[in-house]
Structure formats: structure tokens, C-alpha cells
Amino acid sequence: MTVTLERPMSPACDSTLASDIRHLIDSLDEKIYNIERDYQEIFCCEVILIDDRSHHWQLEIHDSGEIELLHQKYLSNGELQDISFTPITVITQFIIALTESRQ
């Protein structure tokens, strides 16, 4: 299931990296991933939540062009445990972060 809110993309960040990441997210299998998008005006960033019921990622695409990824996993009690918070500077970092947890 994908939920898209009224203003899901950063109006200021149209970098190739951000576009490539958005394209990859758009092509994820919605039977595996739950994807939610929002634009946080107070933080000037687009937030994309990706969840596969065992791992959770929060991608932040800031208007400044900075892209960050928070990766968490679900514990047996249902709580989320932080794994990493990484600035994304190349597309392969994003791909590895999503695929390494599925192996």
C-alpha cells in the first residue's frame, strides 16, 4: 500500500540523486514494502518511509540537497531499534541499505 500526501516532494531538491532514489522507491514491490511520503515544511524536507515489516527506513531529502537515511529494525516486542543514520551521497549507498537487510 502506498500513501501519497498532497505535497510529497521537496520543491527545492531536484538533484539527479534525489530523482534516482525516488524512481527506485516508485519501482519497489508494494506487496513487500509499505511506502508513505510526506513533506515536512518545518524541517524543509521530503520524508519517505519505507517498511517491510522487519525493517524500517526513513529517507529525508532536504531542500538543501542533503539526503539522509535512518535504518531501523523491528525487535521481537514490536519496537524499533536504530541500526544506522547515514548521509546518502551516491545511489549505491541507498541500494545497499535496502537490499542488505533482505539477505
PDB file of N, CA and C in Angstrom:
ATOM      1  N   MET A   1       0.841  -1.175   0.000  1.00  0.00           N
ATOM      2  CA  MET A   1       0.000   0.000   0.000  1.00  0.00           C
ATOM      3  C   MET A   1       0.887   1.238   0.000  1.00  0.00           C
ATOM      4  N   THR A   2       0.621   2.171  -0.856  1.00  0.00           N
ATOM      5  CA  THR A   2       1.360   3.421  -0.911  1.00  0.00           C
ATOM      6  C   THR A   2       0.412   4.561  -0.606  1.00  0.00           C
ATOM      7  N   VAL A   3       0.844   5.434   0.317  1.00  0.00           N
ATOM      8  CA  VAL A   3       0.050   6.602   0.668  1.00  0.00           C
ATOM      9  C   VAL A   3       0.825   7.826   0.213  1.00  0.00           C
ATOM     10  N   THR A   4       0.225   8.643  -0.609  1.00  0.00           N
ATOM     11  CA  THR A   4       0.872   9.854  -1.079  1.00  0.00           C
ATOM     12  C   THR A   4       0.059  11.047  -0.616  1.00  0.00           C
ATOM     13  N   LEU A   5       0.727  11.941   0.096  1.00  0.00           N
ATOM     14  CA  LEU A   5       0.045  13.127   0.592  1.00  0.00           C
ATOM     15  C   LEU A   5       0.127  14.241  -0.446  1.00  0.00           C
ATOM     16  N   GLU A   6      -0.563  15.325  -0.171  1.00  0.00           N
ATOM     17  CA  GLU A   6      -0.729  16.398  -1.154  1.00  0.00           C
ATOM     18  C   GLU A   6       0.581  16.957  -1.686  1.00  0.00           C
ATOM     19  N   ARG A   7       1.591  17.122  -0.839  1.00  0.00           N
ATOM     20  CA  ARG A   7       2.842  17.743  -1.265  1.00  0.00           C
ATOM     21  C   ARG A   7       4.013  16.831  -0.892  1.00  0.00           C
ATOM     22  N   PRO A   8       4.202  15.733  -1.614  1.00  0.00           N
ATOM     23  CA  PRO A   8       5.161  14.738  -1.175  1.00  0.00           C
ATOM     24  C   PRO A   8       6.620  14.999  -1.526  1.00  0.00           C
ATOM     25  N   MET A   9       6.911  15.900  -2.456  1.00  0.00           N
ATOM     26  CA  MET A   9       8.290  16.078  -2.880  1.00  0.00           C
ATOM     27  C   MET A   9       8.845  17.419  -2.448  1.00  0.00           C
ATOM     28  N   SER A  10      10.143  17.396  -2.179  1.00  0.00           N
ATOM     29  CA  SER A  10      10.831  18.627  -1.855  1.00  0.00           C
ATOM     30  C   SER A  10      10.778  19.552  -3.068  1.00  0.00           C
ATOM     31  N   PRO A  11      10.249  20.760  -2.906  1.00  0.00           N
ATOM     32  CA  PRO A  11      10.158  21.668  -4.045  1.00  0.00           C
ATOM     33  C   PRO A  11      11.513  22.220  -4.474  1.00  0.00           C
ATOM     34  N   ALA A  12      12.507  22.130  -3.585  1.00  0.00           N
ATOM     35  CA  ALA A  12      13.792  22.745  -3.883  1.00  0.00           C
ATOM     36  C   ALA A  12      14.852  21.747  -4.331  1.00  0.00           C
ATOM     37  N   CYS A  13      14.685  20.473  -3.989  1.00  0.00           N
ATOM     38  CA  CYS A  13      15.717  19.488  -4.311  1.00  0.00           C
ATOM     39  C   CYS A  13      15.313  18.682  -5.535  1.00  0.00           C
ATOM     40  N   ASP A  14      15.934  18.991  -6.655  1.00  0.00           N
ATOM     41  CA  ASP A  14      15.651  18.241  -7.875  1.00  0.00           C
ATOM     42  C   ASP A  14      16.938  17.640  -8.438  1.00  0.00           C
ATOM     43  N   SER A  15      17.833  17.235  -7.525  1.00  0.00           N
ATOM     44  CA  SER A  15      19.104  16.662  -7.950  1.00  0.00           C
ATOM     45  C   SER A  15      18.884  15.319  -8.643  1.00  0.00           C
ATOM     46  N   THR A  16      19.853  14.915  -9.413  1.00  0.00           N
ATOM     47  CA  THR A  16      19.792  13.621 -10.088  1.00  0.00           C
ATOM     48  C   THR A  16      19.720  12.497  -9.066  1.00  0.00           C
ATOM     49  N   LEU A  17      20.495  12.597  -7.988  1.00  0.00           N
ATOM     50  CA  LEU A  17      20.480  11.566  -6.951  1.00  0.00           C
ATOM     51  C   LEU A  17      19.094  11.438  -6.333  1.00  0.00           C
ATOM     52  N   ALA A  18      18.475  12.555  -5.968  1.00  0.00           N
ATOM     53  CA  ALA A  18      17.130  12.520  -5.387  1.00  0.00           C
ATOM     54  C   ALA A  18      16.133  11.924  -6.377  1.00  0.00           C
ATOM     55  N   SER A  19      16.234  12.304  -7.634  1.00  0.00           N
ATOM     56  CA  SER A  19      15.332  11.762  -8.663  1.00  0.00           C
ATOM     57  C   SER A  19      15.527  10.263  -8.845  1.00  0.00           C
ATOM     58  N   ASP A  20      16.785   9.821  -8.850  1.00  0.00           N
ATOM     59  CA  ASP A  20      17.072   8.392  -8.997  1.00  0.00           C
ATOM     60  C   ASP A  20      16.523   7.594  -7.816  1.00  0.00           C
ATOM     61  N   ILE A  21      16.679   8.130  -6.612  1.00  0.00           N
ATOM     62  CA  ILE A  21      16.165   7.450  -5.421  1.00  0.00           C
ATOM     63  C   ILE A  21      14.640   7.385  -5.470  1.00  0.00           C
ATOM     64  N   ARG A  22      14.005   8.484  -5.831  1.00  0.00           N
ATOM     65  CA  ARG A  22      12.535   8.478  -5.946  1.00  0.00           C
ATOM     66  C   ARG A  22      12.075   7.433  -6.964  1.00  0.00           C
ATOM     67  N   HIS A  23      12.793   7.346  -8.088  1.00  0.00           N
ATOM     68  CA  HIS A  23      12.441   6.374  -9.127  1.00  0.00           C
ATOM     69  C   HIS A  23      12.572   4.944  -8.592  1.00  0.00           C
ATOM     70  N   LEU A  24      13.643   4.664  -7.864  1.00  0.00           N
ATOM     71  CA  LEU A  24      13.821   3.332  -7.283  1.00  0.00           C
ATOM     72  C   LEU A  24      12.707   3.006  -6.293  1.00  0.00           C
ATOM     73  N   ILE A  25      12.343   3.976  -5.474  1.00  0.00           N
ATOM     74  CA  ILE A  25      11.270   3.763  -4.499  1.00  0.00           C
ATOM     75  C   ILE A  25       9.950   3.503  -5.218  1.00  0.00           C
ATOM     76  N   ASP A  26       9.696   4.255  -6.280  1.00  0.00           N
ATOM     77  CA  ASP A  26       8.463   4.052  -7.053  1.00  0.00           C
ATOM     78  C   ASP A  26       8.382   2.648  -7.649  1.00  0.00           C
ATOM     79  N   SER A  27       9.535   2.021  -7.887  1.00  0.00           N
ATOM     80  CA  SER A  27       9.538   0.695  -8.506  1.00  0.00           C
ATOM     81  C   SER A  27       9.571  -0.450  -7.492  1.00  0.00           C
ATOM     82  N   LEU A  28       9.570  -0.134  -6.187  1.00  0.00           N
ATOM     83  CA  LEU A  28       9.556  -1.195  -5.171  1.00  0.00           C
ATOM     84  C   LEU A  28       8.227  -1.941  -5.195  1.00  0.00           C
ATOM     85  N   ASP A  29       8.275  -3.206  -4.887  1.00  0.00           N
ATOM     86  CA  ASP A  29       7.088  -4.064  -4.866  1.00  0.00           C
ATOM     87  C   ASP A  29       6.212  -3.694  -3.671  1.00  0.00           C
ATOM     88  N   GLU A  30       5.017  -3.221  -3.938  1.00  0.00           N
ATOM     89  CA  GLU A  30       4.112  -2.785  -2.872  1.00  0.00           C
ATOM     90  C   GLU A  30       3.542  -3.953  -2.080  1.00  0.00           C
ATOM     91  N   LYS A  31       3.757  -5.173  -2.547  1.00  0.00           N
ATOM     92  CA  LYS A  31       3.352  -6.342  -1.762  1.00  0.00           C
ATOM     93  C   LYS A  31       4.357  -6.608  -0.645  1.00  0.00           C
ATOM     94  N   ILE A  32       5.567  -6.102  -0.812  1.00  0.00           N
ATOM     95  CA  ILE A  32       6.625  -6.283   0.185  1.00  0.00           C
ATOM     96  C   ILE A  32       6.799  -5.028   1.029  1.00  0.00           C
ATOM     97  N   TYR A  33       6.766  -3.863   0.399  1.00  0.00           N
ATOM     98  CA  TYR A  33       7.075  -2.609   1.083  1.00  0.00           C
ATOM     99  C   TYR A  33       5.836  -1.736   1.245  1.00  0.00           C
ATOM    100  N   ASN A  34       5.688  -1.180   2.432  1.00  0.00           N
ATOM    101  CA  ASN A  34       4.695  -0.141   2.672  1.00  0.00           C
ATOM    102  C   ASN A  34       5.449   1.187   2.553  1.00  0.00           C
ATOM    103  N   ILE A  35       4.966   2.083   1.710  1.00  0.00           N
ATOM    104  CA  ILE A  35       5.667   3.338   1.445  1.00  0.00           C
ATOM    105  C   ILE A  35       4.732   4.504   1.733  1.00  0.00           C
ATOM    106  N   GLU A  36       5.229   5.447   2.534  1.00  0.00           N
ATOM    107  CA  GLU A  36       4.469   6.664   2.819  1.00  0.00           C
ATOM    108  C   GLU A  36       5.362   7.857   2.540  1.00  0.00           C
ATOM    109  N   ARG A  37       4.769   8.893   1.948  1.00  0.00           N
ATOM    110  CA  ARG A  37       5.522  10.102   1.593  1.00  0.00           C
ATOM    111  C   ARG A  37       4.867  11.321   2.233  1.00  0.00           C
ATOM    112  N   ASP A  38       5.714  12.250   2.613  1.00  0.00           N
ATOM    113  CA  ASP A  38       5.214  13.491   3.191  1.00  0.00           C
ATOM    114  C   ASP A  38       6.264  14.575   2.965  1.00  0.00           C
ATOM    115  N   TYR A  39       5.834  15.801   3.028  1.00  0.00           N
ATOM    116  CA  TYR A  39       6.763  16.929   3.008  1.00  0.00           C
ATOM    117  C   TYR A  39       6.633  17.646   4.344  1.00  0.00           C
ATOM    118  N   GLN A  40       7.727  17.755   5.078  1.00  0.00           N
ATOM    119  CA  GLN A  40       7.746  18.397   6.388  1.00  0.00           C
ATOM    120  C   GLN A  40       8.229  19.841   6.221  1.00  0.00           C
ATOM    121  N   GLU A  41       7.273  20.759   6.140  1.00  0.00           N
ATOM    122  CA  GLU A  41       7.642  22.164   5.918  1.00  0.00           C
ATOM    123  C   GLU A  41       8.528  22.705   7.025  1.00  0.00           C
ATOM    124  N   ILE A  42       8.256  22.306   8.263  1.00  0.00           N
ATOM    125  CA  ILE A  42       9.019  22.836   9.392  1.00  0.00           C
ATOM    126  C   ILE A  42      10.500  22.448   9.301  1.00  0.00           C
ATOM    127  N   PHE A  43      10.790  21.272   8.722  1.00  0.00           N
ATOM    128  CA  PHE A  43      12.171  20.814   8.581  1.00  0.00           C
ATOM    129  C   PHE A  43      12.700  21.003   7.157  1.00  0.00           C
ATOM    130  N   CYS A  44      11.872  21.538   6.272  1.00  0.00           N
ATOM    131  CA  CYS A  44      12.248  21.765   4.871  1.00  0.00           C
ATOM    132  C   CYS A  44      12.798  20.497   4.225  1.00  0.00           C
ATOM    133  N   CYS A  45      12.039  19.397   4.395  1.00  0.00           N
ATOM    134  CA  CYS A  45      12.492  18.164   3.764  1.00  0.00           C
ATOM    135  C   CYS A  45      11.328  17.246   3.419  1.00  0.00           C
ATOM    136  N   GLU A  46      11.551  16.493   2.372  1.00  0.00           N
ATOM    137  CA  GLU A  46      10.642  15.432   1.958  1.00  0.00           C
ATOM    138  C   GLU A  46      11.009  14.197   2.779  1.00  0.00           C
ATOM    139  N   VAL A  47      10.016  13.530   3.336  1.00  0.00           N
ATOM    140  CA  VAL A  47      10.249  12.328   4.131  1.00  0.00           C
ATOM    141  C   VAL A  47       9.541  11.166   3.445  1.00  0.00           C
ATOM    142  N   ILE A  48      10.282  10.101   3.219  1.00  0.00           N
ATOM    143  CA  ILE A  48       9.711   8.892   2.629  1.00  0.00           C
ATOM    144  C   ILE A  48       9.971   7.747   3.598  1.00  0.00           C
ATOM    145  N   LEU A  49       8.896   7.138   4.087  1.00  0.00           N
ATOM    146  CA  LEU A  49       9.001   6.000   4.990  1.00  0.00           C
ATOM    147  C   LEU A  49       8.818   4.724   4.183  1.00  0.00           C
ATOM    148  N   ILE A  50       9.713   3.788   4.389  1.00  0.00           N
ATOM    149  CA  ILE A  50       9.674   2.502   3.690  1.00  0.00           C
ATOM    150  C   ILE A  50       9.728   1.420   4.762  1.00  0.00           C
ATOM    151  N   ASP A  51       8.797   0.471   4.703  1.00  0.00           N
ATOM    152  CA  ASP A  51       8.706  -0.541   5.751  1.00  0.00           C
ATOM    153  C   ASP A  51       8.390  -1.898   5.125  1.00  0.00           C
ATOM    154  N   ASP A  52       9.137  -2.923   5.531  1.00  0.00           N
ATOM    155  CA  ASP A  52       8.855  -4.276   5.034  1.00  0.00           C
ATOM    156  C   ASP A  52       8.446  -5.228   6.160  1.00  0.00           C
ATOM    157  N   ARG A  53       8.037  -4.681   7.269  1.00  0.00           N
ATOM    158  CA  ARG A  53       7.556  -5.398   8.448  1.00  0.00           C
ATOM    159  C   ARG A  53       8.664  -6.070   9.252  1.00  0.00           C
ATOM    160  N   SER A  54       9.892  -5.995   8.789  1.00  0.00           N
ATOM    161  CA  SER A  54      11.015  -6.434   9.608  1.00  0.00           C
ATOM    162  C   SER A  54      12.056  -5.317   9.720  1.00  0.00           C
ATOM    163  N   HIS A  55      12.105  -4.463   8.696  1.00  0.00           N
ATOM    164  CA  HIS A  55      12.988  -3.294   8.707  1.00  0.00           C
ATOM    165  C   HIS A  55      12.191  -2.053   8.327  1.00  0.00           C
ATOM    166  N   HIS A  56      12.684  -0.913   8.785  1.00  0.00           N
ATOM    167  CA  HIS A  56      12.020   0.373   8.571  1.00  0.00           C
ATOM    168  C   HIS A  56      13.099   1.376   8.174  1.00  0.00           C
ATOM    169  N   TRP A  57      12.845   2.117   7.106  1.00  0.00           N
ATOM    170  CA  TRP A  57      13.778   3.151   6.653  1.00  0.00           C
ATOM    171  C   TRP A  57      13.047   4.481   6.585  1.00  0.00           C
ATOM    172  N   GLN A  58      13.731   5.537   6.997  1.00  0.00           N
ATOM    173  CA  GLN A  58      13.196   6.893   6.859  1.00  0.00           C
ATOM    174  C   GLN A  58      14.192   7.679   6.018  1.00  0.00           C
ATOM    175  N   LEU A  59      13.786   8.005   4.807  1.00  0.00           N
ATOM    176  CA  LEU A  59      14.620   8.773   3.896  1.00  0.00           C
ATOM    177  C   LEU A  59      14.218  10.236   3.994  1.00  0.00           C
ATOM    178  N   GLU A  60      15.204  11.104   4.174  1.00  0.00           N
ATOM    179  CA  GLU A  60      14.948  12.546   4.241  1.00  0.00           C
ATOM    180  C   GLU A  60      15.696  13.217   3.094  1.00  0.00           C
ATOM    181  N   ILE A  61      14.942  13.879   2.225  1.00  0.00           N
ATOM    182  CA  ILE A  61      15.532  14.644   1.124  1.00  0.00           C
ATOM    183  C   ILE A  61      15.314  16.117   1.459  1.00  0.00           C
ATOM    184  N   HIS A  62      16.379  16.760   1.917  1.00  0.00           N
ATOM    185  CA  HIS A  62      16.288  18.147   2.377  1.00  0.00           C
ATOM    186  C   HIS A  62      16.312  19.119   1.201  1.00  0.00           C
ATOM    187  N   ASP A  63      15.646  20.241   1.369  1.00  0.00           N
ATOM    188  CA  ASP A  63      15.634  21.274   0.330  1.00  0.00           C
ATOM    189  C   ASP A  63      17.051  21.724  -0.026  1.00  0.00           C
ATOM    190  N   SER A  64      17.983  21.602   0.934  1.00  0.00           N
ATOM    191  CA  SER A  64      19.375  21.992   0.705  1.00  0.00           C
ATOM    192  C   SER A  64      20.106  21.024  -0.226  1.00  0.00           C
ATOM    193  N   GLY A  65      19.483  19.864  -0.499  1.00  0.00           N
ATOM    194  CA  GLY A  65      20.114  18.852  -1.344  1.00  0.00           C
ATOM    195  C   GLY A  65      20.692  17.694  -0.554  1.00  0.00           C
ATOM    196  N   GLU A  66      20.807  17.854   0.760  1.00  0.00           N
ATOM    197  CA  GLU A  66      21.319  16.776   1.610  1.00  0.00           C
ATOM    198  C   GLU A  66      20.289  15.646   1.676  1.00  0.00           C
ATOM    199  N   ILE A  67      20.761  14.412   1.597  1.00  0.00           N
ATOM    200  CA  ILE A  67      19.887  13.243   1.667  1.00  0.00           C
ATOM    201  C   ILE A  67      20.404  12.346   2.785  1.00  0.00           C
ATOM    202  N   GLU A  68      19.512  11.951   3.696  1.00  0.00           N
ATOM    203  CA  GLU A  68      19.890  11.120   4.835  1.00  0.00           C
ATOM    204  C   GLU A  68      18.946   9.932   4.940  1.00  0.00           C
ATOM    205  N   LEU A  69      19.470   8.818   5.455  1.00  0.00           N
ATOM    206  CA  LEU A  69      18.672   7.608   5.599  1.00  0.00           C
ATOM    207  C   LEU A  69      18.829   7.049   7.004  1.00  0.00           C
ATOM    208  N   LEU A  70      17.711   6.920   7.704  1.00  0.00           N
ATOM    209  CA  LEU A  70      17.669   6.255   9.008  1.00  0.00           C
ATOM    210  C   LEU A  70      17.185   4.836   8.760  1.00  0.00           C
ATOM    211  N   HIS A  71      17.948   3.855   9.240  1.00  0.00           N
ATOM    212  CA  HIS A  71      17.587   2.439   9.082  1.00  0.00           C
ATOM    213  C   HIS A  71      17.338   1.864  10.472  1.00  0.00           C
ATOM    214  N   GLN A  72      16.186   1.220  10.634  1.00  0.00           N
ATOM    215  CA  GLN A  72      15.823   0.591  11.899  1.00  0.00           C
ATOM    216  C   GLN A  72      15.306  -0.814  11.622  1.00  0.00           C
ATOM    217  N   LYS A  73      15.352  -1.673  12.648  1.00  0.00           N
ATOM    218  CA  LYS A  73      14.754  -3.000  12.516  1.00  0.00           C
ATOM    219  C   LYS A  73      13.782  -3.215  13.666  1.00  0.00           C
ATOM    220  N   TYR A  74      12.811  -4.085  13.404  1.00  0.00           N
ATOM    221  CA  TYR A  74      11.821  -4.408  14.420  1.00  0.00           C
ATOM    222  C   TYR A  74      12.372  -5.466  15.365  1.00  0.00           C
ATOM    223  N   LEU A  75      12.207  -5.227  16.668  1.00  0.00           N
ATOM    224  CA  LEU A  75      12.561  -6.214  17.681  1.00  0.00           C
ATOM    225  C   LEU A  75      11.374  -7.149  17.889  1.00  0.00           C
ATOM    226  N   SER A  76      11.579  -8.226  18.621  1.00  0.00           N
ATOM    227  CA  SER A  76      10.505  -9.202  18.838  1.00  0.00           C
ATOM    228  C   SER A  76       9.306  -8.606  19.571  1.00  0.00           C
ATOM    229  N   ASN A  77       9.536  -7.529  20.353  1.00  0.00           N
ATOM    230  CA  ASN A  77       8.431  -6.880  21.071  1.00  0.00           C
ATOM    231  C   ASN A  77       7.734  -5.810  20.228  1.00  0.00           C
ATOM    232  N   GLY A  78       8.139  -5.673  18.959  1.00  0.00           N
ATOM    233  CA  GLY A  78       7.495  -4.720  18.063  1.00  0.00           C
ATOM    234  C   GLY A  78       8.117  -3.337  18.052  1.00  0.00           C
ATOM    235  N   GLU A  79       9.051  -3.075  18.969  1.00  0.00           N
ATOM    236  CA  GLU A  79       9.719  -1.771  18.996  1.00  0.00           C
ATOM    237  C   GLU A  79      10.789  -1.710  17.905  1.00  0.00           C
ATOM    238  N   LEU A  80      11.133  -0.481  17.519  1.00  0.00           N
ATOM    239  CA  LEU A  80      12.172  -0.278  16.508  1.00  0.00           C
ATOM    240  C   LEU A  80      13.515  -0.017  17.175  1.00  0.00           C
ATOM    241  N   GLN A  81      14.561  -0.636  16.638  1.00  0.00           N
ATOM    242  CA  GLN A  81      15.919  -0.424  17.114  1.00  0.00           C
ATOM    243  C   GLN A  81      16.711   0.254  16.004  1.00  0.00           C
ATOM    244  N   ASP A  82      17.403   1.343  16.344  1.00  0.00           N
ATOM    245  CA  ASP A  82      18.214   2.047  15.349  1.00  0.00           C
ATOM    246  C   ASP A  82      19.387   1.178  14.914  1.00  0.00           C
ATOM    247  N   ILE A  83      19.619   1.135  13.618  1.00  0.00           N
ATOM    248  CA  ILE A  83      20.774   0.430  13.067  1.00  0.00           C
ATOM    249  C   ILE A  83      21.792   1.440  12.562  1.00  0.00           C
ATOM    250  N   SER A  84      21.324   2.423  11.785  1.00  0.00           N
ATOM    251  CA  SER A  84      22.250   3.421  11.248  1.00  0.00           C
ATOM    252  C   SER A  84      21.511   4.682  10.822  1.00  0.00           C
ATOM    253  N   PHE A  85      22.255   5.777  10.790  1.00  0.00           N
ATOM    254  CA  PHE A  85      21.776   7.044  10.241  1.00  0.00           C
ATOM    255  C   PHE A  85      22.893   7.528   9.333  1.00  0.00           C
ATOM    256  N   THR A  86      22.640   7.515   8.039  1.00  0.00           N
ATOM    257  CA  THR A  86      23.697   7.709   7.060  1.00  0.00           C
ATOM    258  C   THR A  86      23.362   8.798   6.060  1.00  0.00           C
ATOM    259  N   PRO A  87      24.304   9.713   5.803  1.00  0.00           N
ATOM    260  CA  PRO A  87      24.117  10.617   4.669  1.00  0.00           C
ATOM    261  C   PRO A  87      24.275   9.810   3.380  1.00  0.00           C
ATOM    262  N   ILE A  88      23.396  10.031   2.423  1.00  0.00           N
ATOM    263  CA  ILE A  88      23.453   9.324   1.147  1.00  0.00           C
ATOM    264  C   ILE A  88      24.039  10.279   0.109  1.00  0.00           C
ATOM    265  N   THR A  89      25.169   9.875  -0.470  1.00  0.00           N
ATOM    266  CA  THR A  89      25.824  10.728  -1.463  1.00  0.00           C
ATOM    267  C   THR A  89      25.894  10.071  -2.840  1.00  0.00           C
ATOM    268  N   VAL A  90      25.700   8.748  -2.884  1.00  0.00           N
ATOM    269  CA  VAL A  90      25.668   8.023  -4.160  1.00  0.00           C
ATOM    270  C   VAL A  90      24.545   6.997  -4.103  1.00  0.00           C
ATOM    271  N   ILE A  91      23.990   6.667  -5.248  1.00  0.00           N
ATOM    272  CA  ILE A  91      22.826   5.785  -5.324  1.00  0.00           C
ATOM    273  C   ILE A  91      23.116   4.396  -4.752  1.00  0.00           C
ATOM    274  N   THR A  92      24.360   3.925  -4.887  1.00  0.00           N
ATOM    275  CA  THR A  92      24.677   2.580  -4.388  1.00  0.00           C
ATOM    276  C   THR A  92      24.522   2.476  -2.876  1.00  0.00           C
ATOM    277  N   GLN A  93      24.774   3.552  -2.134  1.00  0.00           N
ATOM    278  CA  GLN A  93      24.559   3.529  -0.680  1.00  0.00           C
ATOM    279  C   GLN A  93      23.101   3.219  -0.362  1.00  0.00           C
ATOM    280  N   PHE A  94      22.200   3.836  -1.083  1.00  0.00           N
ATOM    281  CA  PHE A  94      20.775   3.625  -0.856  1.00  0.00           C
ATOM    282  C   PHE A  94      20.376   2.193  -1.220  1.00  0.00           C
ATOM    283  N   ILE A  95      20.850   1.713  -2.349  1.00  0.00           N
ATOM    284  CA  ILE A  95      20.514   0.354  -2.798  1.00  0.00           C
ATOM    285  C   ILE A  95      21.022  -0.677  -1.796  1.00  0.00           C
ATOM    286  N   ILE A  96      22.255  -0.530  -1.347  1.00  0.00           N
ATOM    287  CA  ILE A  96      22.828  -1.469  -0.381  1.00  0.00           C
ATOM    288  C   ILE A  96      22.040  -1.445   0.922  1.00  0.00           C
ATOM    289  N   ALA A  97      21.665  -0.265   1.397  1.00  0.00           N
ATOM    290  CA  ALA A  97      20.911  -0.158   2.655  1.00  0.00           C
ATOM    291  C   ALA A  97      19.585  -0.909   2.578  1.00  0.00           C
ATOM    292  N   LEU A  98      18.920  -0.855   1.441  1.00  0.00           N
ATOM    293  CA  LEU A  98      17.640  -1.549   1.290  1.00  0.00           C
ATOM    294  C   LEU A  98      17.817  -3.047   1.069  1.00  0.00           C
ATOM    295  N   THR A  99      18.846  -3.448   0.355  1.00  0.00           N
ATOM    296  CA  THR A  99      18.970  -4.861  -0.004  1.00  0.00           C
ATOM    297  C   THR A  99      19.723  -5.695   1.022  1.00  0.00           C
ATOM    298  N   GLU A 100      20.638  -5.109   1.774  1.00  0.00           N
ATOM    299  CA  GLU A 100      21.431  -5.915   2.708  1.00  0.00           C
ATOM    300  C   GLU A 100      20.571  -6.527   3.808  1.00  0.00           C
ATOM    301  N   SER A 101      19.506  -5.884   4.187  1.00  0.00           N
ATOM    302  CA  SER A 101      18.649  -6.404   5.252  1.00  0.00           C
ATOM    303  C   SER A 101      17.761  -7.541   4.765  1.00  0.00           C
ATOM    304  N   ARG A 102      17.583  -7.687   3.468  1.00  0.00           N
ATOM    305  CA  ARG A 102      16.695  -8.715   2.915  1.00  0.00           C
ATOM    306  C   ARG A 102      17.447 -10.014   2.617  1.00  0.00           C
ATOM    307  N   GLN A 103      18.731 -10.058   2.935  1.00  0.00           N
ATOM    308  CA  GLN A 103      19.511 -11.274   2.644  1.00  0.00           C
ATOM    309  C   GLN A 103      19.595 -12.172   3.850  1.00  0.00           C
TER     310      GLN A 103
END
